[in-house]
Amino acid sequence: MSGRVEGGGGADGRFADYGRPRRVDGGLKARSTRGAIGRSWWSRRFLEVLESFALGTRLTRGRSYARAGQVISLDVAPGAVTAVVQGSRAQPYEVSIALPPFPPELWSRVEAELAAQAFFSARLLAGDLPPELEELFAAAGAPLFPGGVAELRQRCSCPDFAVPCKHLAATFYLLAEAFDADPFQLLHWRGRGRAELLDRLRALRAGEPTGPAAVRAGGPGGGVSPVGHRDAGDTPSTVERDGRDGVDVPPVGAARALAGLPPAPLADAVDRFWLPPVPLPDRPPSLETGPDLLLRQLGAPAPAIGGPGLVERLRRAYRLLGR
């Protein structure tokens, strides 16, 4: 929580201690010089969530600070964002915004879901966060954004009673722009850095085990089996690890559909090589429409290019072509 209001006099009633913020050379400035801050869906969504907590009018107090470069430094770490913001006093204020990171077991579940769908893996490996990611995280019990203002622990060393104060608000705005520049900063705040997340996704997509089981040391006569090696009795979801027991690896991607199929010798499968191993789902029903549907949806063209008569001529042509 913050203390007394900066710019409004303390308990002794002195107003001279507070005034315009001190100018900062080389401070972090918001790239947006006017209007809304945030270009990507995830940064805009982050600010929308904050505004939904009735923080909208309070956030605007820090917009001028963010654009004037009053934030000296900003650092994102798992569970905590820290910043140093220059106000009207000689000593800059220390700001922190804490949000509980996801525990490792929850991240493991999320990573398994991400690796199971090539769409998410490809987009993340390309450095992008698709909008559908928010729904996937929420379904896994790991919402990307805070669900209430109580989840955020906001601290500032300034004497302002308001939460957020202008220093916290400026930090929120620059944090949103940090998410614009690097979307993985949002995931890093939630407990998983870019390099670790992408390494785990690559391992899961390749069928390699992850987590503590992946580093088990084999004793005499045992060891880690090569990736992809299976004994005759193994199913696609179990990989022999050390000669004594197996470690269940959650199936991902196509392995989900193939996990229950018995292994078949190659010679017995040559004649069925181009056939699907499991029945394909029925195609979704399609709505039959007339060939002139687009013409019915558009208005009449201008008289200069034919007017309503042109529509009738095109409709006859569409019907003839549709046959």
C-alpha atoms as a PDB file:
ATOM      1  CA  MET A   1       0.000   0.000   0.000  1.00  0.00           C
ATOM      2  CA  SER A   2       1.104   3.560  -0.498  1.00  0.00           C
ATOM      3  CA  GLY A   3       1.370   6.345   2.014  1.00  0.00           C
ATOM      4  CA  ARG A   4       0.249   9.954   1.850  1.00  0.00           C
ATOM      5  CA  VAL A   5      -0.717  11.778  -1.297  1.00  0.00           C
ATOM      6  CA  GLU A   6       2.159  13.255  -3.258  1.00  0.00           C
ATOM      7  CA  GLY A   7       1.200  16.727  -4.360  1.00  0.00           C
ATOM      8  CA  GLY A   8      -1.320  17.171  -1.562  1.00  0.00           C
ATOM      9  CA  GLY A   9       0.632  17.983   1.582  1.00  0.00           C
ATOM     10  CA  GLY A  10       1.404  15.640   4.454  1.00  0.00           C
ATOM     11  CA  ALA A  11       0.235  15.574   8.042  1.00  0.00           C
ATOM     12  CA  ASP A  12       2.124  18.808   8.775  1.00  0.00           C
ATOM     13  CA  GLY A  13       0.310  20.632   5.984  1.00  0.00           C
ATOM     14  CA  ARG A  14       3.433  21.615   4.078  1.00  0.00           C
ATOM     15  CA  PHE A  15       2.823  21.800   0.327  1.00  0.00           C
ATOM     16  CA  ALA A  16       6.289  23.064  -0.564  1.00  0.00           C
ATOM     17  CA  ASP A  17       7.765  19.551  -0.369  1.00  0.00           C
ATOM     18  CA  TYR A  18       5.723  18.438  -3.367  1.00  0.00           C
ATOM     19  CA  GLY A  19       5.648  19.786  -6.880  1.00  0.00           C
ATOM     20  CA  ARG A  20       6.441  18.896 -10.443  1.00  0.00           C
ATOM     21  CA  PRO A  21       8.375  15.657 -10.974  1.00  0.00           C
ATOM     22  CA  ARG A  22      12.094  15.954 -11.419  1.00  0.00           C
ATOM     23  CA  ARG A  23      13.306  15.491 -14.953  1.00  0.00           C
ATOM     24  CA  VAL A  24      15.037  12.196 -15.741  1.00  0.00           C
ATOM     25  CA  ASP A  25      17.767  11.811 -18.349  1.00  0.00           C
ATOM     26  CA  GLY A  26      17.653   8.461 -20.105  1.00  0.00           C
ATOM     27  CA  GLY A  27      14.443   7.275 -18.471  1.00  0.00           C
ATOM     28  CA  LEU A  28      12.158   4.652 -20.005  1.00  0.00           C
ATOM     29  CA  LYS A  29       9.580   6.370 -22.191  1.00  0.00           C
ATOM     30  CA  ALA A  30       6.363   4.879 -23.500  1.00  0.00           C
ATOM     31  CA  ARG A  31       6.492   4.467 -27.273  1.00  0.00           C
ATOM     32  CA  SER A  32       2.915   5.676 -27.544  1.00  0.00           C
ATOM     33  CA  THR A  33       2.887   9.473 -27.479  1.00  0.00           C
ATOM     34  CA  ARG A  34      -0.886   9.913 -27.498  1.00  0.00           C
ATOM     35  CA  GLY A  35      -4.080   7.934 -27.190  1.00  0.00           C
ATOM     36  CA  ALA A  36      -4.233   4.414 -25.818  1.00  0.00           C
ATOM     37  CA  ILE A  37      -1.146   2.483 -24.786  1.00  0.00           C
ATOM     38  CA  GLY A  38      -0.707  -1.108 -25.938  1.00  0.00           C
ATOM     39  CA  ARG A  39      -0.611  -2.487 -29.481  1.00  0.00           C
ATOM     40  CA  SER A  40      -0.862  -6.271 -29.128  1.00  0.00           C
ATOM     41  CA  TRP A  41      -3.915  -8.144 -27.927  1.00  0.00           C
ATOM     42  CA  TRP A  42      -2.138  -9.311 -24.789  1.00  0.00           C
ATOM     43  CA  SER A  43      -1.001  -5.842 -23.690  1.00  0.00           C
ATOM     44  CA  ARG A  44      -4.422  -4.334 -24.415  1.00  0.00           C
ATOM     45  CA  ARG A  45      -6.064  -7.224 -22.601  1.00  0.00           C
ATOM     46  CA  PHE A  46      -3.787  -6.653 -19.610  1.00  0.00           C
ATOM     47  CA  LEU A  47      -4.797  -2.999 -19.376  1.00  0.00           C
ATOM     48  CA  GLU A  48      -8.464  -3.879 -19.923  1.00  0.00           C
ATOM     49  CA  VAL A  49      -8.302  -6.267 -16.974  1.00  0.00           C
ATOM     50  CA  LEU A  50      -6.804  -3.530 -14.796  1.00  0.00           C
ATOM     51  CA  GLU A  51      -9.507  -1.104 -15.892  1.00  0.00           C
ATOM     52  CA  SER A  52     -12.167  -3.713 -15.041  1.00  0.00           C
ATOM     53  CA  PHE A  53     -10.954  -3.502 -11.441  1.00  0.00           C
ATOM     54  CA  ALA A  54     -12.139   0.136 -11.404  1.00  0.00           C
ATOM     55  CA  LEU A  55      -8.553   1.295 -11.802  1.00  0.00           C
ATOM     56  CA  GLY A  56      -9.135   3.091 -15.100  1.00  0.00           C
ATOM     57  CA  THR A  57      -9.230   6.674 -13.763  1.00  0.00           C
ATOM     58  CA  ARG A  58      -6.330   5.975 -11.430  1.00  0.00           C
ATOM     59  CA  LEU A  59      -4.255   4.482 -14.224  1.00  0.00           C
ATOM     60  CA  THR A  60      -4.512   7.648 -16.294  1.00  0.00           C
ATOM     61  CA  ARG A  61      -2.643   9.505 -13.556  1.00  0.00           C
ATOM     62  CA  GLY A  62       0.525   7.691 -14.537  1.00  0.00           C
ATOM     63  CA  ARG A  63       0.237   8.008 -18.300  1.00  0.00           C
ATOM     64  CA  SER A  64       2.089  11.328 -18.402  1.00  0.00           C
ATOM     65  CA  TYR A  65       4.791   9.864 -16.149  1.00  0.00           C
ATOM     66  CA  ALA A  66       5.199   6.911 -18.515  1.00  0.00           C
ATOM     67  CA  ARG A  67       5.448   9.177 -21.564  1.00  0.00           C
ATOM     68  CA  ALA A  68       7.787  11.671 -19.897  1.00  0.00           C
ATOM     69  CA  GLY A  69      10.353   9.002 -19.062  1.00  0.00           C
ATOM     70  CA  GLN A  70       9.975   9.183 -15.260  1.00  0.00           C
ATOM     71  CA  VAL A  71      10.475   5.419 -14.924  1.00  0.00           C
ATOM     72  CA  ILE A  72      14.197   4.867 -14.435  1.00  0.00           C
ATOM     73  CA  SER A  73      14.208   1.063 -14.558  1.00  0.00           C
ATOM     74  CA  LEU A  74      11.779  -1.820 -14.981  1.00  0.00           C
ATOM     75  CA  ASP A  75      12.473  -5.489 -14.295  1.00  0.00           C
ATOM     76  CA  VAL A  76      10.201  -8.498 -14.776  1.00  0.00           C
ATOM     77  CA  ALA A  77      10.869 -11.636 -12.736  1.00  0.00           C
ATOM     78  CA  PRO A  78       8.716 -14.670 -11.872  1.00  0.00           C
ATOM     79  CA  GLY A  79       5.996 -13.382  -9.579  1.00  0.00           C
ATOM     80  CA  ALA A  80       7.278  -9.813  -9.279  1.00  0.00           C
ATOM     81  CA  VAL A  81       7.726  -6.659 -11.348  1.00  0.00           C
ATOM     82  CA  THR A  82       9.997  -4.029  -9.816  1.00  0.00           C
ATOM     83  CA  ALA A  83      10.613  -0.491 -10.991  1.00  0.00           C
ATOM     84  CA  VAL A  84      12.285   2.736  -9.906  1.00  0.00           C
ATOM     85  CA  VAL A  85      10.249   5.872 -10.635  1.00  0.00           C
ATOM     86  CA  GLN A  86      11.380   9.460 -10.231  1.00  0.00           C
ATOM     87  CA  GLY A  87       8.835  11.758  -8.588  1.00  0.00           C
ATOM     88  CA  SER A  88       9.106  15.271  -7.216  1.00  0.00           C
ATOM     89  CA  ARG A  89      11.526  14.340  -4.442  1.00  0.00           C
ATOM     90  CA  ALA A  90      15.246  13.845  -4.907  1.00  0.00           C
ATOM     91  CA  GLN A  91      15.058  10.165  -3.951  1.00  0.00           C
ATOM     92  CA  PRO A  92      13.286   8.036  -6.599  1.00  0.00           C
ATOM     93  CA  TYR A  93      10.469   5.785  -5.450  1.00  0.00           C
ATOM     94  CA  GLU A  94      10.680   2.001  -5.409  1.00  0.00           C
ATOM     95  CA  VAL A  95       7.716   0.213  -6.951  1.00  0.00           C
ATOM     96  CA  SER A  96       6.781  -3.477  -6.929  1.00  0.00           C
ATOM     97  CA  ILE A  97       3.820  -5.348  -8.425  1.00  0.00           C
ATOM     98  CA  ALA A  98       3.585  -8.960  -7.271  1.00  0.00           C
ATOM     99  CA  LEU A  99       1.444 -11.661  -8.899  1.00  0.00           C
ATOM    100  CA  PRO A 100       1.749 -15.286  -7.729  1.00  0.00           C
ATOM    101  CA  PRO A 101       3.504 -17.441 -10.360  1.00  0.00           C
ATOM    102  CA  PHE A 102       2.048 -20.772 -11.376  1.00  0.00           C
ATOM    103  CA  PRO A 103       3.479 -23.779  -9.485  1.00  0.00           C
ATOM    104  CA  PRO A 104       5.659 -26.236 -11.470  1.00  0.00           C
ATOM    105  CA  GLU A 105       2.985 -28.936 -11.645  1.00  0.00           C
ATOM    106  CA  LEU A 106       0.518 -26.448 -13.129  1.00  0.00           C
ATOM    107  CA  TRP A 107       3.089 -25.344 -15.706  1.00  0.00           C
ATOM    108  CA  SER A 108       3.691 -29.009 -16.601  1.00  0.00           C
ATOM    109  CA  ARG A 109      -0.011 -29.426 -17.330  1.00  0.00           C
ATOM    110  CA  VAL A 110      -0.087 -26.265 -19.428  1.00  0.00           C
ATOM    111  CA  GLU A 111       3.017 -27.312 -21.368  1.00  0.00           C
ATOM    112  CA  ALA A 112       1.500 -30.719 -22.131  1.00  0.00           C
ATOM    113  CA  GLU A 113      -1.597 -28.989 -23.513  1.00  0.00           C
ATOM    114  CA  LEU A 114       0.495 -26.598 -25.581  1.00  0.00           C
ATOM    115  CA  ALA A 115       2.697 -29.347 -26.992  1.00  0.00           C
ATOM    116  CA  ALA A 116      -0.337 -31.465 -27.869  1.00  0.00           C
ATOM    117  CA  GLN A 117      -1.488 -28.873 -30.404  1.00  0.00           C
ATOM    118  CA  ALA A 118       0.902 -28.009 -33.190  1.00  0.00           C
ATOM    119  CA  PHE A 119      -0.814 -24.643 -33.690  1.00  0.00           C
ATOM    120  CA  PHE A 120       0.245 -23.350 -30.265  1.00  0.00           C
ATOM    121  CA  SER A 121       3.721 -24.855 -30.427  1.00  0.00           C
ATOM    122  CA  ALA A 122       4.374 -23.320 -33.836  1.00  0.00           C
ATOM    123  CA  ARG A 123       3.142 -19.876 -32.828  1.00  0.00           C
ATOM    124  CA  LEU A 124       5.110 -19.870 -29.571  1.00  0.00           C
ATOM    125  CA  LEU A 125       8.270 -21.108 -31.256  1.00  0.00           C
ATOM    126  CA  ALA A 126       7.795 -18.259 -33.744  1.00  0.00           C
ATOM    127  CA  GLY A 127       7.692 -15.785 -30.832  1.00  0.00           C
ATOM    128  CA  ASP A 128       3.963 -15.064 -30.948  1.00  0.00           C
ATOM    129  CA  LEU A 129       1.093 -15.467 -28.477  1.00  0.00           C
ATOM    130  CA  PRO A 130      -2.142 -16.340 -30.307  1.00  0.00           C
ATOM    131  CA  PRO A 131      -5.360 -14.985 -28.741  1.00  0.00           C
ATOM    132  CA  GLU A 132      -6.597 -18.562 -28.215  1.00  0.00           C
ATOM    133  CA  LEU A 133      -3.789 -18.985 -25.685  1.00  0.00           C
ATOM    134  CA  GLU A 134      -5.774 -17.168 -22.995  1.00  0.00           C
ATOM    135  CA  GLU A 135      -8.602 -19.723 -23.245  1.00  0.00           C
ATOM    136  CA  LEU A 136      -6.172 -22.669 -23.127  1.00  0.00           C
ATOM    137  CA  PHE A 137      -4.478 -21.323 -19.995  1.00  0.00           C
ATOM    138  CA  ALA A 138      -7.840 -20.681 -18.332  1.00  0.00           C
ATOM    139  CA  ALA A 139      -9.076 -24.207 -19.150  1.00  0.00           C
ATOM    140  CA  ALA A 140      -5.908 -25.630 -17.576  1.00  0.00           C
ATOM    141  CA  GLY A 141      -6.583 -23.707 -14.364  1.00  0.00           C
ATOM    142  CA  ALA A 142      -3.833 -21.159 -15.024  1.00  0.00           C
ATOM    143  CA  PRO A 143      -5.415 -17.828 -16.065  1.00  0.00           C
ATOM    144  CA  LEU A 144      -2.876 -15.582 -17.748  1.00  0.00           C
ATOM    145  CA  PHE A 145      -4.248 -12.384 -16.245  1.00  0.00           C
ATOM    146  CA  PRO A 146      -5.222 -11.648 -12.639  1.00  0.00           C
ATOM    147  CA  GLY A 147      -8.835 -12.391 -11.791  1.00  0.00           C
ATOM    148  CA  GLY A 148      -9.136  -9.626  -9.197  1.00  0.00           C
ATOM    149  CA  VAL A 149      -7.259  -6.680  -7.835  1.00  0.00           C
ATOM    150  CA  ALA A 150      -6.585  -8.644  -4.635  1.00  0.00           C
ATOM    151  CA  GLU A 151      -4.251 -10.934  -6.596  1.00  0.00           C
ATOM    152  CA  LEU A 152      -1.933  -7.986  -7.244  1.00  0.00           C
ATOM    153  CA  ARG A 153       0.243  -6.788  -4.376  1.00  0.00           C
ATOM    154  CA  GLN A 154       1.034  -3.168  -5.260  1.00  0.00           C
ATOM    155  CA  ARG A 155       3.764  -1.388  -3.327  1.00  0.00           C
ATOM    156  CA  CYS A 156       5.279   2.068  -3.705  1.00  0.00           C
ATOM    157  CA  SER A 157       7.553   3.954  -1.344  1.00  0.00           C
ATOM    158  CA  CYS A 158       5.864   7.277  -2.129  1.00  0.00           C
ATOM    159  CA  PRO A 159       3.558   8.971   0.430  1.00  0.00           C
ATOM    160  CA  ASP A 160       0.463   8.684  -1.806  1.00  0.00           C
ATOM    161  CA  PHE A 161      -2.542   6.982  -0.213  1.00  0.00           C
ATOM    162  CA  ALA A 162      -4.120   6.111  -3.577  1.00  0.00           C
ATOM    163  CA  VAL A 163      -3.544   2.656  -5.027  1.00  0.00           C
ATOM    164  CA  PRO A 164      -2.352   2.679  -7.688  1.00  0.00           C
ATOM    165  CA  CYS A 165      -0.468   5.935  -7.283  1.00  0.00           C
ATOM    166  CA  LYS A 166       0.931   7.664 -10.368  1.00  0.00           C
ATOM    167  CA  HIS A 167       4.211   5.778  -9.967  1.00  0.00           C
ATOM    168  CA  LEU A 168       2.479   2.387  -9.919  1.00  0.00           C
ATOM    169  CA  ALA A 169       0.266   3.473 -12.824  1.00  0.00           C
ATOM    170  CA  ALA A 170       3.293   4.501 -14.894  1.00  0.00           C
ATOM    171  CA  THR A 171       4.832   1.106 -14.162  1.00  0.00           C
ATOM    172  CA  PHE A 172       1.661  -0.657 -15.346  1.00  0.00           C
ATOM    173  CA  TYR A 173       1.747   1.245 -18.639  1.00  0.00           C
ATOM    174  CA  LEU A 174       5.405   0.507 -19.287  1.00  0.00           C
ATOM    175  CA  LEU A 175       4.820  -3.111 -18.297  1.00  0.00           C
ATOM    176  CA  ALA A 176       2.115  -3.327 -20.971  1.00  0.00           C
ATOM    177  CA  GLU A 177       4.580  -1.959 -23.526  1.00  0.00           C
ATOM    178  CA  ALA A 178       7.185  -4.455 -22.313  1.00  0.00           C
ATOM    179  CA  PHE A 179       4.639  -7.167 -23.119  1.00  0.00           C
ATOM    180  CA  ASP A 180       4.273  -5.593 -26.579  1.00  0.00           C
ATOM    181  CA  ALA A 181       8.016  -5.795 -27.166  1.00  0.00           C
ATOM    182  CA  ASP A 182       8.378  -9.328 -25.802  1.00  0.00           C
ATOM    183  CA  PRO A 183       5.191 -11.340 -25.174  1.00  0.00           C
ATOM    184  CA  PHE A 184       7.191 -13.931 -23.236  1.00  0.00           C
ATOM    185  CA  GLN A 185       7.631 -11.343 -20.476  1.00  0.00           C
ATOM    186  CA  LEU A 186       4.001 -12.017 -19.545  1.00  0.00           C
ATOM    187  CA  LEU A 187       4.696 -15.751 -19.244  1.00  0.00           C
ATOM    188  CA  HIS A 188       7.948 -14.991 -17.413  1.00  0.00           C
ATOM    189  CA  TRP A 189       5.968 -12.989 -14.837  1.00  0.00           C
ATOM    190  CA  ARG A 190       3.770 -16.070 -14.436  1.00  0.00           C
ATOM    191  CA  GLY A 191       6.785 -18.278 -13.750  1.00  0.00           C
ATOM    192  CA  ARG A 192       8.185 -19.611 -17.013  1.00  0.00           C
ATOM    193  CA  GLY A 193      10.880 -17.867 -19.043  1.00  0.00           C
ATOM    194  CA  ARG A 194      11.134 -17.972 -22.825  1.00  0.00           C
ATOM    195  CA  ALA A 195      14.113 -20.330 -23.090  1.00  0.00           C
ATOM    196  CA  GLU A 196      12.799 -22.837 -20.559  1.00  0.00           C
ATOM    197  CA  LEU A 197       9.290 -22.896 -22.015  1.00  0.00           C
ATOM    198  CA  LEU A 198      10.456 -23.353 -25.615  1.00  0.00           C
ATOM    199  CA  ASP A 199      12.975 -26.042 -24.613  1.00  0.00           C
ATOM    200  CA  ARG A 200      10.245 -27.988 -22.816  1.00  0.00           C
ATOM    201  CA  LEU A 201       7.856 -27.640 -25.753  1.00  0.00           C
ATOM    202  CA  ARG A 202      10.522 -28.904 -28.173  1.00  0.00           C
ATOM    203  CA  ALA A 203      11.216 -31.867 -25.892  1.00  0.00           C
ATOM    204  CA  LEU A 204       7.524 -32.722 -25.548  1.00  0.00           C
ATOM    205  CA  ARG A 205       6.944 -32.418 -29.296  1.00  0.00           C
ATOM    206  CA  ALA A 206       9.912 -34.735 -29.903  1.00  0.00           C
ATOM    207  CA  GLY A 207       8.590 -37.275 -27.399  1.00  0.00           C
ATOM    208  CA  GLU A 208      11.385 -36.674 -24.905  1.00  0.00           C
ATOM    209  CA  PRO A 209      10.535 -36.773 -21.181  1.00  0.00           C
ATOM    210  CA  THR A 210      10.696 -33.571 -19.173  1.00  0.00           C
ATOM    211  CA  GLY A 211      10.816 -32.804 -15.485  1.00  0.00           C
ATOM    212  CA  PRO A 212      12.628 -34.698 -12.720  1.00  0.00           C
ATOM    213  CA  ALA A 213      12.155 -38.079 -14.400  1.00  0.00           C
ATOM    214  CA  ALA A 214      14.220 -36.895 -17.356  1.00  0.00           C
ATOM    215  CA  VAL A 215      17.404 -36.654 -15.309  1.00  0.00           C
ATOM    216  CA  ARG A 216      17.214 -39.952 -13.418  1.00  0.00           C
ATOM    217  CA  ALA A 217      20.620 -41.590 -13.452  1.00  0.00           C
ATOM    218  CA  GLY A 218      20.699 -45.279 -14.353  1.00  0.00           C
ATOM    219  CA  GLY A 219      22.648 -47.690 -12.186  1.00  0.00           C
ATOM    220  CA  PRO A 220      24.824 -50.573 -13.347  1.00  0.00           C
ATOM    221  CA  GLY A 221      23.209 -52.364 -16.199  1.00  0.00           C
ATOM    222  CA  GLY A 222      20.741 -49.572 -16.731  1.00  0.00           C
ATOM    223  CA  GLY A 223      20.628 -46.153 -18.297  1.00  0.00           C
ATOM    224  CA  VAL A 224      18.516 -43.805 -20.249  1.00  0.00           C
ATOM    225  CA  SER A 225      17.133 -45.369 -23.390  1.00  0.00           C
ATOM    226  CA  PRO A 226      17.524 -43.513 -26.663  1.00  0.00           C
ATOM    227  CA  VAL A 227      14.673 -41.212 -27.533  1.00  0.00           C
ATOM    228  CA  GLY A 228      11.943 -43.041 -29.391  1.00  0.00           C
ATOM    229  CA  HIS A 229      13.204 -46.552 -28.425  1.00  0.00           C
ATOM    230  CA  ARG A 230      10.536 -48.982 -27.221  1.00  0.00           C
ATOM    231  CA  ASP A 231      10.530 -52.605 -26.291  1.00  0.00           C
ATOM    232  CA  ALA A 232       8.010 -54.915 -27.867  1.00  0.00           C
ATOM    233  CA  GLY A 233       5.527 -54.680 -25.025  1.00  0.00           C
ATOM    234  CA  ASP A 234       5.600 -50.930 -24.619  1.00  0.00           C
ATOM    235  CA  THR A 235       2.718 -48.723 -25.639  1.00  0.00           C
ATOM    236  CA  PRO A 236       3.344 -45.391 -27.355  1.00  0.00           C
ATOM    237  CA  SER A 237       2.716 -43.568 -24.071  1.00  0.00           C
ATOM    238  CA  THR A 238       5.354 -45.486 -22.070  1.00  0.00           C
ATOM    239  CA  VAL A 239       9.107 -45.317 -22.647  1.00  0.00           C
ATOM    240  CA  GLU A 240      11.510 -47.715 -20.912  1.00  0.00           C
ATOM    241  CA  ARG A 241      13.832 -45.652 -18.781  1.00  0.00           C
ATOM    242  CA  ASP A 242      16.310 -47.799 -16.796  1.00  0.00           C
ATOM    243  CA  GLY A 243      15.687 -51.503 -17.398  1.00  0.00           C
ATOM    244  CA  ARG A 244      13.668 -51.946 -14.198  1.00  0.00           C
ATOM    245  CA  ASP A 245      10.494 -49.938 -14.711  1.00  0.00           C
ATOM    246  CA  GLY A 246       8.845 -47.526 -17.128  1.00  0.00           C
ATOM    247  CA  VAL A 247       7.942 -43.868 -16.791  1.00  0.00           C
ATOM    248  CA  ASP A 248       4.618 -42.764 -18.205  1.00  0.00           C
ATOM    249  CA  VAL A 249       5.015 -39.861 -20.570  1.00  0.00           C
ATOM    250  CA  PRO A 250       1.778 -38.049 -21.438  1.00  0.00           C
ATOM    251  CA  PRO A 251       1.011 -38.621 -25.114  1.00  0.00           C
ATOM    252  CA  VAL A 252       1.015 -35.487 -27.221  1.00  0.00           C
ATOM    253  CA  GLY A 253       0.057 -34.669 -30.778  1.00  0.00           C
ATOM    254  CA  ALA A 254      -0.713 -37.722 -32.925  1.00  0.00           C
ATOM    255  CA  ALA A 255       0.321 -40.009 -30.051  1.00  0.00           C
ATOM    256  CA  ARG A 256      -3.021 -39.269 -28.420  1.00  0.00           C
ATOM    257  CA  ALA A 257      -4.833 -40.994 -31.290  1.00  0.00           C
ATOM    258  CA  LEU A 258      -2.261 -43.799 -31.633  1.00  0.00           C
ATOM    259  CA  ALA A 259      -1.726 -44.549 -27.940  1.00  0.00           C
ATOM    260  CA  GLY A 260      -4.283 -47.373 -27.788  1.00  0.00           C
ATOM    261  CA  LEU A 261      -3.230 -49.164 -30.996  1.00  0.00           C
ATOM    262  CA  PRO A 262      -1.162 -52.373 -30.755  1.00  0.00           C
ATOM    263  CA  PRO A 263       2.212 -52.363 -32.548  1.00  0.00           C
ATOM    264  CA  ALA A 264       2.089 -53.952 -36.013  1.00  0.00           C
ATOM    265  CA  PRO A 265       4.999 -55.376 -38.046  1.00  0.00           C
ATOM    266  CA  LEU A 266       5.897 -53.246 -41.037  1.00  0.00           C
ATOM    267  CA  ALA A 267       5.331 -56.117 -43.490  1.00  0.00           C
ATOM    268  CA  ASP A 268       1.719 -56.400 -42.346  1.00  0.00           C
ATOM    269  CA  ALA A 269       1.075 -52.689 -42.747  1.00  0.00           C
ATOM    270  CA  VAL A 270       2.466 -52.054 -46.259  1.00  0.00           C
ATOM    271  CA  ASP A 271      -0.903 -52.478 -47.951  1.00  0.00           C
ATOM    272  CA  ARG A 272      -2.481 -50.049 -45.482  1.00  0.00           C
ATOM    273  CA  PHE A 273       0.295 -47.470 -45.479  1.00  0.00           C
ATOM    274  CA  TRP A 274      -1.829 -44.700 -46.998  1.00  0.00           C
ATOM    275  CA  LEU A 275      -4.917 -45.460 -44.923  1.00  0.00           C
ATOM    276  CA  PRO A 276      -5.643 -43.697 -41.607  1.00  0.00           C
ATOM    277  CA  PRO A 277      -4.844 -45.867 -38.539  1.00  0.00           C
ATOM    278  CA  VAL A 278      -8.101 -44.733 -36.910  1.00  0.00           C
ATOM    279  CA  PRO A 279     -11.368 -43.734 -38.620  1.00  0.00           C
ATOM    280  CA  LEU A 280     -11.466 -40.102 -39.616  1.00  0.00           C
ATOM    281  CA  PRO A 281     -14.272 -37.997 -38.139  1.00  0.00           C
ATOM    282  CA  ASP A 282     -17.198 -37.204 -40.349  1.00  0.00           C
ATOM    283  CA  ARG A 283     -16.954 -33.958 -42.254  1.00  0.00           C
ATOM    284  CA  PRO A 284     -19.050 -31.233 -40.659  1.00  0.00           C
ATOM    285  CA  PRO A 285     -22.271 -30.538 -42.523  1.00  0.00           C
ATOM    286  CA  SER A 286     -22.068 -27.619 -44.930  1.00  0.00           C
ATOM    287  CA  LEU A 287     -24.887 -25.242 -45.673  1.00  0.00           C
ATOM    288  CA  GLU A 288     -26.068 -25.386 -49.260  1.00  0.00           C
ATOM    289  CA  THR A 289     -26.456 -21.913 -50.691  1.00  0.00           C
ATOM    290  CA  GLY A 290     -27.354 -20.568 -54.057  1.00  0.00           C
ATOM    291  CA  PRO A 291     -24.595 -19.333 -56.373  1.00  0.00           C
ATOM    292  CA  ASP A 292     -25.944 -15.786 -56.164  1.00  0.00           C
ATOM    293  CA  LEU A 293     -25.742 -15.525 -52.367  1.00  0.00           C
ATOM    294  CA  LEU A 294     -23.098 -12.795 -52.537  1.00  0.00           C
ATOM    295  CA  LEU A 295     -25.196 -10.726 -54.895  1.00  0.00           C
ATOM    296  CA  ARG A 296     -28.162 -10.932 -52.511  1.00  0.00           C
ATOM    297  CA  GLN A 297     -26.006  -9.656 -49.669  1.00  0.00           C
ATOM    298  CA  LEU A 298     -24.649  -6.653 -51.562  1.00  0.00           C
ATOM    299  CA  GLY A 299     -26.597  -3.553 -52.321  1.00  0.00           C
ATOM    300  CA  ALA A 300     -27.470  -2.366 -55.784  1.00  0.00           C
ATOM    301  CA  PRO A 301     -24.491  -0.951 -57.678  1.00  0.00           C
ATOM    302  CA  ALA A 302     -24.335   2.689 -58.675  1.00  0.00           C
ATOM    303  CA  PRO A 303     -26.088   3.720 -61.901  1.00  0.00           C
ATOM    304  CA  ALA A 304     -22.715   4.603 -63.444  1.00  0.00           C
ATOM    305  CA  ILE A 305     -21.776   0.905 -63.538  1.00  0.00           C
ATOM    306  CA  GLY A 306     -25.170  -0.563 -64.425  1.00  0.00           C
ATOM    307  CA  GLY A 307     -27.485  -0.113 -61.440  1.00  0.00           C
ATOM    308  CA  PRO A 308     -30.020  -2.849 -60.516  1.00  0.00           C
ATOM    309  CA  GLY A 309     -29.989  -4.166 -64.063  1.00  0.00           C
ATOM    310  CA  LEU A 310     -26.363  -5.234 -63.628  1.00  0.00           C
ATOM    311  CA  VAL A 311     -27.338  -7.337 -60.604  1.00  0.00           C
ATOM    312  CA  GLU A 312     -29.959  -9.239 -62.655  1.00  0.00           C
ATOM    313  CA  ARG A 313     -27.488  -9.913 -65.463  1.00  0.00           C
ATOM    314  CA  LEU A 314     -24.860 -11.114 -62.991  1.00  0.00           C
ATOM    315  CA  ARG A 315     -27.423 -13.308 -61.215  1.00  0.00           C
ATOM    316  CA  ARG A 316     -28.233 -15.137 -64.458  1.00  0.00           C
ATOM    317  CA  ALA A 317     -24.522 -15.548 -65.148  1.00  0.00           C
ATOM    318  CA  TYR A 318     -23.887 -16.925 -61.640  1.00  0.00           C
ATOM    319  CA  ARG A 319     -26.694 -19.465 -62.028  1.00  0.00           C
ATOM    320  CA  LEU A 320     -25.368 -20.639 -65.370  1.00  0.00           C
ATOM    321  CA  LEU A 321     -21.856 -20.993 -63.958  1.00  0.00           C
ATOM    322  CA  GLY A 322     -23.216 -22.777 -60.877  1.00  0.00           C
ATOM    323  CA  ARG A 323     -24.599 -25.585 -62.996  1.00  0.00           C
END
